[in-house]
Amino acid sequence: MIEEHCQYRNGRGIRQCLNFHRDPVKTFIDSPHLMSDPQWRRGYALLKEHDLSFDLHLYYTQMEEALALARDFPDTPMVLNHTGMPVDRKPEEIEAWKKSMSLLASADNVFCKISGLGMGDWKWTVDSIRPFVLHAIEAFGVKRCMFASNFPVDKLFSSYDDVFNAFKEITREFSAGERAALFHDNAERVYML
């Protein structure tokens, strides 16, 4: 299947929703430890052979396992989608998310796509998402983060312009080079555009 995928000249990687949550409504897969499954890992190993990246969608409770995967396959770029899905917004959940984000960021081949923050806060504001955006950038660094949308899903909570204007406002004090990296350059580099 990967060979067929690679026949498309714009193919850059594979994305998989690996979300497993204690709440079945928030769970996307049957196995909580799919990233440790030997057969799944054999398939994952093929990504490097084809110069493909891996976008993953998961919760903070799975980031330790994702870190092990990233370390076992250091030549495969891994892109954490939707800011690590901080959907549970209780203070203790946010602290656990922060620790897990910092842990996952310790692998140099992991990047963070800052997006999807409306999924945990349908009435979000610039100020309500600011701590999540800034922590992701602090953990991963400007060179390993990129702003993205979660459209059409985000359309349930806001407009495309609202999302990107929020990112612009949050990074208003950043240098022009840092903003270029976050809004464009990092995505171009990671996805070989």
C-alpha atoms as a PDB file:
ATOM      1  CA  MET A   1       0.000   0.000   0.000  1.00  0.00           C
ATOM      2  CA  ILE A   2       2.841   2.437   0.775  1.00  0.00           C
ATOM      3  CA  GLU A   3       4.309   1.841  -2.684  1.00  0.00           C
ATOM      4  CA  GLU A   4       0.968   2.819  -4.217  1.00  0.00           C
ATOM      5  CA  HIS A   5       0.795   5.899  -1.996  1.00  0.00           C
ATOM      6  CA  CYS A   6       4.266   6.945  -3.154  1.00  0.00           C
ATOM      7  CA  GLN A   7       3.193   6.914  -6.801  1.00  0.00           C
ATOM      8  CA  TYR A   8       1.504  10.264  -6.148  1.00  0.00           C
ATOM      9  CA  ARG A   9       4.175  12.930  -6.470  1.00  0.00           C
ATOM     10  CA  ASN A  10       2.664  15.036  -3.669  1.00  0.00           C
ATOM     11  CA  GLY A  11       2.595  12.180  -1.158  1.00  0.00           C
ATOM     12  CA  ARG A  12       4.739  13.127   1.831  1.00  0.00           C
ATOM     13  CA  GLY A  13       3.660  10.906   4.668  1.00  0.00           C
ATOM     14  CA  ILE A  14       1.065   8.858   6.465  1.00  0.00           C
ATOM     15  CA  ARG A  15      -1.355  10.054   9.135  1.00  0.00           C
ATOM     16  CA  GLN A  16      -3.014   7.790  11.663  1.00  0.00           C
ATOM     17  CA  CYS A  17      -5.458   8.580  14.441  1.00  0.00           C
ATOM     18  CA  LEU A  18      -4.153   6.567  17.395  1.00  0.00           C
ATOM     19  CA  ASN A  19      -6.351   8.164  20.050  1.00  0.00           C
ATOM     20  CA  PHE A  20      -7.141   5.888  22.969  1.00  0.00           C
ATOM     21  CA  HIS A  21      -8.942   7.490  25.920  1.00  0.00           C
ATOM     22  CA  ARG A  22     -10.577   6.325  29.141  1.00  0.00           C
ATOM     23  CA  ASP A  23     -13.784   7.822  27.705  1.00  0.00           C
ATOM     24  CA  PRO A  24     -14.921   5.504  24.870  1.00  0.00           C
ATOM     25  CA  VAL A  25     -16.479   8.476  23.037  1.00  0.00           C
ATOM     26  CA  LYS A  26     -12.971   9.950  22.623  1.00  0.00           C
ATOM     27  CA  THR A  27     -11.373   6.664  21.538  1.00  0.00           C
ATOM     28  CA  PHE A  28     -10.530   6.007  17.876  1.00  0.00           C
ATOM     29  CA  ILE A  29      -8.760   2.614  18.068  1.00  0.00           C
ATOM     30  CA  ASP A  30      -9.251  -0.745  19.790  1.00  0.00           C
ATOM     31  CA  SER A  31      -5.773  -1.217  21.216  1.00  0.00           C
ATOM     32  CA  PRO A  32      -4.261   1.288  23.667  1.00  0.00           C
ATOM     33  CA  HIS A  33      -0.728   0.204  22.727  1.00  0.00           C
ATOM     34  CA  LEU A  34      -0.797  -0.035  18.948  1.00  0.00           C
ATOM     35  CA  MET A  35       2.548   1.798  18.656  1.00  0.00           C
ATOM     36  CA  SER A  36       4.195  -1.087  20.544  1.00  0.00           C
ATOM     37  CA  ASP A  37       2.687  -3.824  18.394  1.00  0.00           C
ATOM     38  CA  PRO A  38       5.481  -5.642  16.460  1.00  0.00           C
ATOM     39  CA  GLN A  39       3.442  -5.994  13.267  1.00  0.00           C
ATOM     40  CA  TRP A  40       2.431  -2.319  13.332  1.00  0.00           C
ATOM     41  CA  ARG A  41       6.082  -1.345  13.891  1.00  0.00           C
ATOM     42  CA  ARG A  42       7.164  -3.415  10.879  1.00  0.00           C
ATOM     43  CA  GLY A  43       4.834  -1.294   8.794  1.00  0.00           C
ATOM     44  CA  TYR A  44       6.111   1.864  10.467  1.00  0.00           C
ATOM     45  CA  ALA A  45       9.680   0.929   9.528  1.00  0.00           C
ATOM     46  CA  LEU A  46       8.694   1.168   5.849  1.00  0.00           C
ATOM     47  CA  LEU A  47       8.191   4.924   6.166  1.00  0.00           C
ATOM     48  CA  LYS A  48      11.947   5.558   6.292  1.00  0.00           C
ATOM     49  CA  GLU A  49      12.507   3.361   3.234  1.00  0.00           C
ATOM     50  CA  HIS A  50      10.171   5.636   1.276  1.00  0.00           C
ATOM     51  CA  ASP A  51      11.227   8.977   2.806  1.00  0.00           C
ATOM     52  CA  LEU A  52       7.820   9.480   4.397  1.00  0.00           C
ATOM     53  CA  SER A  53       6.902  11.278   7.591  1.00  0.00           C
ATOM     54  CA  PHE A  54       4.338  10.115  10.126  1.00  0.00           C
ATOM     55  CA  ASP A  55       1.563  12.359  11.432  1.00  0.00           C
ATOM     56  CA  LEU A  56       0.017  11.017  14.600  1.00  0.00           C
ATOM     57  CA  HIS A  57      -3.115  11.970  16.424  1.00  0.00           C
ATOM     58  CA  LEU A  58      -3.124  10.962  20.116  1.00  0.00           C
ATOM     59  CA  TYR A  59      -3.637  12.098  23.707  1.00  0.00           C
ATOM     60  CA  TYR A  60      -1.033  13.034  26.301  1.00  0.00           C
ATOM     61  CA  THR A  61      -1.488   9.656  28.008  1.00  0.00           C
ATOM     62  CA  GLN A  62       0.033   8.025  24.910  1.00  0.00           C
ATOM     63  CA  MET A  63       3.013  10.336  24.465  1.00  0.00           C
ATOM     64  CA  GLU A  64       5.443   8.151  26.392  1.00  0.00           C
ATOM     65  CA  GLU A  65       4.775   5.317  23.960  1.00  0.00           C
ATOM     66  CA  ALA A  66       5.100   7.748  21.034  1.00  0.00           C
ATOM     67  CA  LEU A  67       8.463   8.859  22.440  1.00  0.00           C
ATOM     68  CA  ALA A  68       9.690   5.254  22.475  1.00  0.00           C
ATOM     69  CA  LEU A  69       8.592   4.922  18.840  1.00  0.00           C
ATOM     70  CA  ALA A  70      10.348   8.155  17.863  1.00  0.00           C
ATOM     71  CA  ARG A  71      13.556   7.054  19.565  1.00  0.00           C
ATOM     72  CA  ASP A  72      13.436   3.608  17.970  1.00  0.00           C
ATOM     73  CA  PHE A  73      13.017   5.195  14.514  1.00  0.00           C
ATOM     74  CA  PRO A  74      15.058   8.421  14.749  1.00  0.00           C
ATOM     75  CA  ASP A  75      15.270   8.908  10.975  1.00  0.00           C
ATOM     76  CA  THR A  76      11.498   9.055  10.515  1.00  0.00           C
ATOM     77  CA  PRO A  77      10.033  12.522  11.069  1.00  0.00           C
ATOM     78  CA  MET A  78       7.029  12.330  13.388  1.00  0.00           C
ATOM     79  CA  VAL A  79       4.469  15.147  13.481  1.00  0.00           C
ATOM     80  CA  LEU A  80       2.232  15.381  16.532  1.00  0.00           C
ATOM     81  CA  ASN A  81      -1.141  16.646  15.335  1.00  0.00           C
ATOM     82  CA  HIS A  82      -3.501  19.056  17.064  1.00  0.00           C
ATOM     83  CA  THR A  83      -1.092  20.193  19.777  1.00  0.00           C
ATOM     84  CA  GLY A  84      -1.278  16.772  21.390  1.00  0.00           C
ATOM     85  CA  MET A  85      -5.068  16.913  21.779  1.00  0.00           C
ATOM     86  CA  PRO A  86      -5.492  18.745  25.120  1.00  0.00           C
ATOM     87  CA  VAL A  87      -9.230  18.038  25.173  1.00  0.00           C
ATOM     88  CA  ASP A  88      -9.482  17.576  28.945  1.00  0.00           C
ATOM     89  CA  ARG A  89      -9.117  21.051  30.442  1.00  0.00           C
ATOM     90  CA  LYS A  90      -9.107  20.382  34.200  1.00  0.00           C
ATOM     91  CA  PRO A  91      -5.962  21.894  35.815  1.00  0.00           C
ATOM     92  CA  GLU A  92      -4.462  18.479  36.622  1.00  0.00           C
ATOM     93  CA  GLU A  93      -5.086  17.298  33.047  1.00  0.00           C
ATOM     94  CA  ILE A  94      -3.418  20.411  31.630  1.00  0.00           C
ATOM     95  CA  GLU A  95      -0.372  19.873  33.859  1.00  0.00           C
ATOM     96  CA  ALA A  96      -0.136  16.237  32.757  1.00  0.00           C
ATOM     97  CA  TRP A  97      -0.438  17.345  29.111  1.00  0.00           C
ATOM     98  CA  LYS A  98       2.391  19.884  29.621  1.00  0.00           C
ATOM     99  CA  LYS A  99       4.700  17.274  31.147  1.00  0.00           C
ATOM    100  CA  SER A 100       3.928  14.783  28.393  1.00  0.00           C
ATOM    101  CA  MET A 101       4.497  17.393  25.681  1.00  0.00           C
ATOM    102  CA  SER A 102       7.896  18.259  27.156  1.00  0.00           C
ATOM    103  CA  LEU A 103       8.774  14.571  27.359  1.00  0.00           C
ATOM    104  CA  LEU A 104       7.813  13.872  23.739  1.00  0.00           C
ATOM    105  CA  ALA A 105       9.689  16.980  22.609  1.00  0.00           C
ATOM    106  CA  SER A 106      12.915  15.425  23.907  1.00  0.00           C
ATOM    107  CA  ALA A 107      13.106  13.418  20.653  1.00  0.00           C
ATOM    108  CA  ASP A 108      14.616  15.615  17.932  1.00  0.00           C
ATOM    109  CA  ASN A 109      12.650  13.925  15.152  1.00  0.00           C
ATOM    110  CA  VAL A 110       9.258  14.910  16.627  1.00  0.00           C
ATOM    111  CA  PHE A 111       7.514  18.081  15.453  1.00  0.00           C
ATOM    112  CA  CYS A 112       4.320  19.682  16.748  1.00  0.00           C
ATOM    113  CA  LYS A 113       1.484  20.884  14.575  1.00  0.00           C
ATOM    114  CA  ILE A 114      -0.274  23.578  16.606  1.00  0.00           C
ATOM    115  CA  SER A 115      -3.930  23.246  15.702  1.00  0.00           C
ATOM    116  CA  GLY A 116      -7.227  21.790  16.856  1.00  0.00           C
ATOM    117  CA  LEU A 117      -7.395  23.711  20.115  1.00  0.00           C
ATOM    118  CA  GLY A 118     -11.114  24.369  19.688  1.00  0.00           C
ATOM    119  CA  MET A 119     -11.864  20.678  20.223  1.00  0.00           C
ATOM    120  CA  GLY A 120     -11.269  21.098  23.958  1.00  0.00           C
ATOM    121  CA  ASP A 121     -12.834  24.547  24.228  1.00  0.00           C
ATOM    122  CA  TRP A 122     -15.625  25.313  21.789  1.00  0.00           C
ATOM    123  CA  LYS A 123     -15.822  28.912  23.034  1.00  0.00           C
ATOM    124  CA  TRP A 124     -12.075  29.480  22.867  1.00  0.00           C
ATOM    125  CA  THR A 125     -10.478  32.905  22.832  1.00  0.00           C
ATOM    126  CA  VAL A 126      -6.959  34.072  22.082  1.00  0.00           C
ATOM    127  CA  ASP A 127      -6.293  34.142  25.819  1.00  0.00           C
ATOM    128  CA  SER A 128      -7.726  30.664  26.460  1.00  0.00           C
ATOM    129  CA  ILE A 129      -5.515  28.998  23.833  1.00  0.00           C
ATOM    130  CA  ARG A 130      -2.424  31.140  24.431  1.00  0.00           C
ATOM    131  CA  PRO A 131      -0.971  28.882  27.201  1.00  0.00           C
ATOM    132  CA  PHE A 132      -1.270  25.799  24.979  1.00  0.00           C
ATOM    133  CA  VAL A 133       0.346  27.485  21.987  1.00  0.00           C
ATOM    134  CA  LEU A 134       3.175  28.938  24.048  1.00  0.00           C
ATOM    135  CA  HIS A 135       3.848  25.704  25.921  1.00  0.00           C
ATOM    136  CA  ALA A 136       4.050  23.753  22.656  1.00  0.00           C
ATOM    137  CA  ILE A 137       6.546  26.283  21.300  1.00  0.00           C
ATOM    138  CA  GLU A 138       8.507  26.276  24.560  1.00  0.00           C
ATOM    139  CA  ALA A 139       8.658  22.462  24.627  1.00  0.00           C
ATOM    140  CA  PHE A 140       9.457  21.803  20.958  1.00  0.00           C
ATOM    141  CA  GLY A 141      11.139  25.069  20.045  1.00  0.00           C
ATOM    142  CA  VAL A 142      10.295  27.403  17.187  1.00  0.00           C
ATOM    143  CA  LYS A 143      12.118  25.173  14.668  1.00  0.00           C
ATOM    144  CA  ARG A 144       9.933  22.125  15.436  1.00  0.00           C
ATOM    145  CA  CYS A 145       6.468  23.709  15.577  1.00  0.00           C
ATOM    146  CA  MET A 146       4.127  24.739  12.804  1.00  0.00           C
ATOM    147  CA  PHE A 147       0.725  26.363  12.783  1.00  0.00           C
ATOM    148  CA  ALA A 148      -2.042  24.443  11.050  1.00  0.00           C
ATOM    149  CA  SER A 149      -5.794  24.363  10.804  1.00  0.00           C
ATOM    150  CA  ASN A 150      -8.197  21.625  11.714  1.00  0.00           C
ATOM    151  CA  PHE A 151     -10.687  22.548   9.049  1.00  0.00           C
ATOM    152  CA  PRO A 152     -13.393  21.592   8.377  1.00  0.00           C
ATOM    153  CA  VAL A 153     -13.721  20.425  12.026  1.00  0.00           C
ATOM    154  CA  ASP A 154     -12.703  23.856  13.380  1.00  0.00           C
ATOM    155  CA  LYS A 155     -15.568  25.360  11.410  1.00  0.00           C
ATOM    156  CA  LEU A 156     -17.829  24.148  14.233  1.00  0.00           C
ATOM    157  CA  PHE A 157     -16.189  26.619  16.624  1.00  0.00           C
ATOM    158  CA  SER A 158     -14.702  29.444  14.551  1.00  0.00           C
ATOM    159  CA  SER A 159     -13.636  30.725  11.187  1.00  0.00           C
ATOM    160  CA  TYR A 160     -10.351  30.003   9.457  1.00  0.00           C
ATOM    161  CA  ASP A 161      -9.405  33.667   9.822  1.00  0.00           C
ATOM    162  CA  ASP A 162     -10.160  33.607  13.564  1.00  0.00           C
ATOM    163  CA  VAL A 163      -7.804  30.665  14.074  1.00  0.00           C
ATOM    164  CA  PHE A 164      -4.898  32.173  12.169  1.00  0.00           C
ATOM    165  CA  ASN A 165      -5.465  35.663  13.533  1.00  0.00           C
ATOM    166  CA  ALA A 166      -5.232  34.142  17.024  1.00  0.00           C
ATOM    167  CA  PHE A 167      -1.892  32.536  16.129  1.00  0.00           C
ATOM    168  CA  LYS A 168      -0.702  35.886  14.749  1.00  0.00           C
ATOM    169  CA  GLU A 169      -1.746  37.697  17.922  1.00  0.00           C
ATOM    170  CA  ILE A 170      -0.104  35.132  20.211  1.00  0.00           C
ATOM    171  CA  THR A 171       3.179  35.418  18.303  1.00  0.00           C
ATOM    172  CA  ARG A 172       3.023  39.193  17.820  1.00  0.00           C
ATOM    173  CA  GLU A 173       6.227  39.694  19.844  1.00  0.00           C
ATOM    174  CA  PHE A 174       8.145  36.935  18.024  1.00  0.00           C
ATOM    175  CA  SER A 175      10.787  37.886  15.466  1.00  0.00           C
ATOM    176  CA  ALA A 176       9.950  37.891  11.755  1.00  0.00           C
ATOM    177  CA  GLY A 177      12.144  34.807  11.312  1.00  0.00           C
ATOM    178  CA  GLU A 178      10.404  32.923  14.121  1.00  0.00           C
ATOM    179  CA  ARG A 179       6.989  33.734  12.708  1.00  0.00           C
ATOM    180  CA  ALA A 180       8.075  32.685   9.212  1.00  0.00           C
ATOM    181  CA  ALA A 181       9.242  29.365  10.656  1.00  0.00           C
ATOM    182  CA  LEU A 182       5.957  28.765  12.488  1.00  0.00           C
ATOM    183  CA  PHE A 183       3.634  29.859   9.692  1.00  0.00           C
ATOM    184  CA  HIS A 184       5.520  28.465   6.702  1.00  0.00           C
ATOM    185  CA  ASP A 185       9.156  27.397   6.741  1.00  0.00           C
ATOM    186  CA  ASN A 186       8.924  24.459   9.147  1.00  0.00           C
ATOM    187  CA  ALA A 187       6.019  22.889   7.262  1.00  0.00           C
ATOM    188  CA  GLU A 188       7.900  23.351   4.000  1.00  0.00           C
ATOM    189  CA  ARG A 189      10.986  21.655   5.466  1.00  0.00           C
ATOM    190  CA  VAL A 190       9.230  18.781   7.256  1.00  0.00           C
ATOM    191  CA  TYR A 191       6.922  17.941   4.351  1.00  0.00           C
ATOM    192  CA  MET A 192       9.567  18.622   1.676  1.00  0.00           C
ATOM    193  CA  LEU A 193       7.308  21.065  -0.170  1.00  0.00           C
END
